[in-house]
Amino acid sequence: MFKTLALLLLSISLAHAAETDKTAAAIKDTLQKNYEQLIGPVNQVNKSPISGLYEVITGDHIFYTDKTAQYLIDGSMFDLKARRNLTEARARVLFAVDFNKLPLELAVKRVKGNGSRKMAYFADPNCGFCKKLEHELQSVNDVTLYLFLYPIFDGSAEKVQNIWCSADKAKSWEDLMLNGVQPAAAKCDTPTDKVMALGRHLKVNGTPALIFANGIVNPGYLPAAELEKALDSNSK
């Protein structure tokens, strides 16, 4: 009896999954045929956490639509009970960066402990949360850090130049961010233009922006405890 019931439940589940796949395929076909010029090429259509609502992936954006593709929603979905932005969490996974393809030669490299874990990040010398991040990183060990100097605030470009052109870039950065010691004036060729172009390509609109080894991007500051969790779970 239990075996028969299990088989019945499995059949129902498979039928439901097949129907969901069929609906998603129909939505994708409708959007591509009629609205591609409006929203761009549709890469994926998936069932969302809300019944009757489907997730539409176009390039680097997430939309939502109903099963008939009559309505399109452009915005974030929140789980109020969990206090979690589901759209943002999903985007981090869908649009993850290939860490191994980052131009790490444009970054200031620091190795702490055995350097086994990896994190790249964009930071501005005049960014308050970037300073907070550096203080938190003092408690994090066994990590290799790749810092992309990303001057988006007024007066930051000169500081970035002075840091990059110093004899010890990492020390110059830490002296400034941790102790408020201004870097000495210096001139040399800097990769700032390339870093800014990289940031725009990766849609880095604010600092700090953290990129972990599995490509998951965290747009913002994290305290040490959360950094440790992220580094452990996201390291390859």
Protein backbone atom coordinates (compact mmCIF):
# COMPACT_ATOMS: atom_id res chain seq x y z
CA MET A 1 0.00 0.00 0.00
CA PHE A 2 2.74 2.44 0.97
CA LYS A 3 4.66 1.55 -2.20
CA THR A 4 1.57 2.23 -4.32
CA LEU A 5 1.00 5.57 -2.56
CA ALA A 6 4.64 6.57 -3.06
CA LEU A 7 4.43 5.75 -6.77
CA LEU A 8 1.20 7.75 -7.07
CA LEU A 9 2.76 10.79 -5.37
CA LEU A 10 5.84 10.50 -7.60
CA SER A 11 3.65 10.37 -10.72
CA ILE A 12 1.74 13.45 -9.60
CA SER A 13 5.00 15.28 -8.86
CA LEU A 14 6.48 14.42 -12.26
CA ALA A 15 3.29 15.46 -14.04
CA HIS A 16 3.29 18.78 -12.18
CA ALA A 17 6.96 19.37 -13.06
CA ALA A 18 6.27 18.60 -16.71
CA GLU A 19 3.35 21.04 -16.73
CA THR A 20 5.54 23.72 -15.12
CA ASP A 21 8.25 23.17 -17.75
CA LYS A 22 5.64 23.38 -20.50
CA THR A 23 4.29 26.67 -19.12
CA ALA A 24 7.80 28.11 -18.76
CA ALA A 25 8.61 27.17 -22.36
CA ALA A 26 5.40 28.81 -23.58
CA ILE A 27 6.16 32.00 -21.65
CA LYS A 28 9.66 32.14 -23.08
CA ASP A 29 8.34 31.65 -26.60
CA THR A 30 5.73 34.41 -26.18
CA LEU A 31 8.21 36.91 -24.76
CA GLN A 32 10.85 36.19 -27.40
CA LYS A 33 8.40 36.50 -30.27
CA ASN A 34 6.60 39.62 -29.10
CA TYR A 35 8.71 41.55 -26.60
CA GLU A 36 12.39 40.89 -27.22
CA GLN A 37 12.95 44.45 -28.43
CA LEU A 38 11.50 45.71 -25.15
CA ILE A 39 13.24 43.45 -22.61
CA GLY A 40 16.07 41.85 -24.61
CA PRO A 41 16.78 38.18 -25.37
CA VAL A 42 15.22 35.81 -22.84
CA ASN A 43 17.76 33.36 -21.44
CA GLN A 44 15.62 31.49 -18.93
CA VAL A 45 12.10 31.25 -17.56
CA ASN A 46 11.73 29.53 -14.19
CA LYS A 47 9.05 29.02 -11.60
CA SER A 48 9.29 31.59 -8.78
CA PRO A 49 8.57 31.07 -5.06
CA ILE A 50 5.12 32.65 -5.59
CA SER A 51 2.48 30.42 -7.14
CA GLY A 52 1.54 31.52 -10.64
CA LEU A 53 4.50 33.87 -10.97
CA TYR A 54 7.48 33.06 -13.16
CA GLU A 55 11.04 34.36 -13.14
CA VAL A 56 12.30 35.75 -16.46
CA ILE A 57 16.08 36.08 -16.98
CA THR A 58 17.21 38.50 -19.68
CA GLY A 59 20.91 39.25 -19.91
CA ASP A 60 21.77 40.58 -16.45
CA HIS A 61 18.24 41.35 -15.25
CA ILE A 62 15.41 39.49 -13.52
CA PHE A 63 11.77 40.17 -14.36
CA TYR A 64 8.60 38.39 -13.24
CA THR A 65 5.54 37.49 -15.28
CA ASP A 66 2.28 35.57 -15.01
CA LYS A 67 1.69 32.24 -16.75
CA THR A 68 0.13 33.93 -19.79
CA ALA A 69 2.98 36.46 -20.16
CA GLN A 70 0.45 39.30 -20.19
CA TYR A 71 2.01 41.22 -17.32
CA LEU A 72 5.66 41.97 -16.61
CA ILE A 73 6.97 43.01 -13.19
CA ASP A 74 10.29 44.81 -12.85
CA GLY A 75 11.24 44.89 -9.18
CA SER A 76 12.42 42.92 -6.17
CA MET A 77 10.64 40.05 -4.44
CA PHE A 78 10.96 40.01 -0.65
CA ASP A 79 10.39 37.24 1.87
CA LEU A 80 9.06 39.41 4.71
CA LYS A 81 9.18 36.64 7.31
CA ALA A 82 12.84 35.92 6.58
CA ARG A 83 13.54 39.63 5.90
CA ARG A 84 15.33 38.62 2.72
CA ASN A 85 15.47 40.11 -0.76
CA LEU A 86 14.90 36.99 -2.87
CA THR A 87 15.57 38.73 -6.17
CA GLU A 88 18.93 40.05 -5.01
CA ALA A 89 19.94 36.64 -3.63
CA ARG A 90 18.93 34.96 -6.87
CA ALA A 91 20.81 37.54 -8.96
CA ARG A 92 24.02 36.87 -7.04
CA VAL A 93 23.86 33.24 -8.10
CA LEU A 94 22.64 33.78 -11.66
CA PHE A 95 25.09 36.55 -12.49
CA ALA A 96 28.11 35.27 -10.62
CA VAL A 97 31.53 36.41 -11.85
CA ASP A 98 34.18 34.00 -13.14
CA PHE A 99 36.77 34.72 -10.46
CA ASN A 100 39.57 33.07 -12.45
CA LYS A 101 39.02 35.53 -15.30
CA LEU A 102 39.35 38.66 -13.18
CA PRO A 103 42.39 40.78 -14.21
CA LEU A 104 44.03 40.38 -10.81
CA GLU A 105 47.19 42.10 -12.04
CA LEU A 106 45.19 45.35 -11.71
CA ALA A 107 44.65 44.71 -8.00
CA VAL A 108 46.69 45.25 -4.85
CA LYS A 109 47.40 41.77 -3.51
CA ARG A 110 47.62 40.93 0.19
CA VAL A 111 48.15 37.45 1.64
CA LYS A 112 47.09 36.78 5.22
CA GLY A 113 48.08 33.53 6.92
CA ASN A 114 48.20 30.65 4.46
CA GLY A 115 46.13 32.61 1.91
CA SER A 116 44.01 29.55 1.15
CA ARG A 117 40.74 31.44 0.75
CA LYS A 118 40.21 34.18 -1.83
CA MET A 119 38.30 37.42 -2.09
CA ALA A 120 38.50 40.31 -4.53
CA TYR A 121 36.89 43.64 -3.71
CA PHE A 122 36.39 47.14 -5.04
CA ALA A 123 37.01 49.95 -2.55
CA ASP A 124 37.34 53.73 -2.50
CA PRO A 125 39.76 55.46 -0.09
CA ASN A 126 37.08 58.00 0.89
CA CYS A 127 34.40 55.38 1.51
CA GLY A 128 33.33 55.07 5.15
CA PHE A 129 32.11 51.49 4.82
CA CYS A 130 35.36 50.56 3.09
CA LYS A 131 37.19 51.72 6.21
CA LYS A 132 34.85 49.61 8.33
CA LEU A 133 35.54 46.64 6.08
CA GLU A 134 39.30 47.03 6.51
CA HIS A 135 38.90 47.02 10.30
CA GLU A 136 36.83 43.83 10.06
CA LEU A 137 39.42 42.22 7.79
CA GLN A 138 41.97 42.58 10.56
CA SER A 139 40.17 39.70 12.28
CA VAL A 140 40.10 37.50 9.17
CA ASN A 141 43.04 35.20 8.47
CA ASP A 142 44.09 32.61 5.87
CA VAL A 143 42.86 34.65 2.92
CA THR A 144 44.34 36.18 -0.22
CA LEU A 145 42.83 39.60 -0.88
CA TYR A 146 42.77 41.34 -4.24
CA LEU A 147 41.93 45.02 -3.84
CA PHE A 148 40.71 46.97 -6.86
CA LEU A 149 41.21 50.67 -6.11
CA TYR A 150 37.96 52.20 -7.35
CA PRO A 151 37.83 56.01 -6.96
CA ILE A 152 34.18 57.02 -7.25
CA PHE A 153 34.11 59.74 -4.57
CA ASP A 154 35.38 63.28 -4.98
CA GLY A 155 39.09 63.57 -4.21
CA SER A 156 39.69 59.82 -4.34
CA ALA A 157 41.53 59.63 -7.65
CA GLU A 158 44.62 61.42 -6.28
CA LYS A 159 44.74 59.16 -3.23
CA VAL A 160 44.44 56.08 -5.44
CA GLN A 161 47.34 57.33 -7.55
CA ASN A 162 49.49 57.95 -4.49
CA ILE A 163 48.71 54.51 -3.07
CA TRP A 164 49.39 52.70 -6.34
CA CYS A 165 52.65 54.56 -6.89
CA SER A 166 53.96 53.99 -3.36
CA ALA A 167 56.78 51.55 -2.63
CA ASP A 168 54.40 49.28 -0.66
CA LYS A 169 50.86 49.55 -1.99
CA ALA A 170 49.27 47.28 0.61
CA LYS A 171 50.88 49.10 3.53
CA SER A 172 49.99 52.50 2.10
CA TRP A 173 46.36 51.41 1.79
CA GLU A 174 46.17 49.98 5.29
CA ASP A 175 47.91 53.01 6.81
CA LEU A 176 45.27 55.24 5.25
CA MET A 177 42.20 53.14 5.95
CA LEU A 178 43.12 51.95 9.44
CA ASN A 179 45.13 54.86 10.83
CA GLY A 180 44.24 57.85 8.68
CA VAL A 181 47.82 58.27 7.44
CA GLN A 182 47.68 59.99 4.07
CA PRO A 183 49.85 58.46 1.33
CA ALA A 184 52.78 60.56 0.15
CA ALA A 185 52.35 62.30 -3.19
CA ALA A 186 53.65 60.17 -6.02
CA LYS A 187 53.35 59.84 -9.76
CA CYS A 188 53.48 56.80 -12.02
CA ASP A 189 51.35 54.97 -14.55
CA THR A 190 48.25 53.59 -12.84
CA PRO A 191 45.63 51.06 -14.01
CA THR A 192 42.76 53.24 -12.76
CA ASP A 193 41.06 53.59 -16.14
CA LYS A 194 41.11 49.81 -16.60
CA VAL A 195 39.79 49.23 -13.08
CA MET A 196 36.97 51.73 -13.65
CA ALA A 197 36.07 49.98 -16.91
CA LEU A 198 36.09 46.62 -15.11
CA GLY A 199 33.82 48.00 -12.41
CA ARG A 200 31.36 49.32 -14.96
CA HIS A 201 31.40 45.96 -16.76
CA LEU A 202 30.64 44.16 -13.49
CA LYS A 203 28.03 46.81 -12.61
CA VAL A 204 29.83 47.91 -9.46
CA ASN A 205 27.78 50.97 -8.50
CA GLY A 206 29.05 51.42 -4.96
CA THR A 207 31.82 50.46 -2.59
CA PRO A 208 32.76 48.17 -1.08
CA ALA A 209 31.77 45.40 -3.51
CA LEU A 210 33.01 41.93 -2.59
CA ILE A 211 33.62 39.06 -5.00
CA PHE A 212 34.20 35.61 -3.53
CA ALA A 213 36.05 32.70 -5.13
CA ASN A 214 32.90 31.11 -6.54
CA GLY A 215 31.97 34.38 -8.23
CA ILE A 216 29.20 35.40 -5.85
CA VAL A 217 29.12 39.19 -5.56
CA ASN A 218 28.14 40.91 -2.32
CA PRO A 219 27.36 44.61 -2.88
CA GLY A 220 28.34 46.02 0.48
CA TYR A 221 30.21 45.75 3.73
CA LEU A 222 30.16 42.57 5.83
CA PRO A 223 31.30 42.17 9.46
CA ALA A 224 34.09 39.71 10.24
CA ALA A 225 31.79 36.85 11.30
CA GLU A 226 29.84 37.03 8.04
CA LEU A 227 33.04 37.38 6.03
CA GLU A 228 34.31 34.17 7.60
CA LYS A 229 31.11 32.32 6.72
CA ALA A 230 31.13 33.64 3.17
CA LEU A 231 34.80 32.82 2.63
CA ASP A 232 34.31 29.27 3.94
CA SER A 233 31.18 28.57 1.92
CA ASN A 234 32.29 30.33 -1.25
CA SER A 235 35.90 29.16 -1.47
CA LYS A 236 36.77 26.63 -4.17
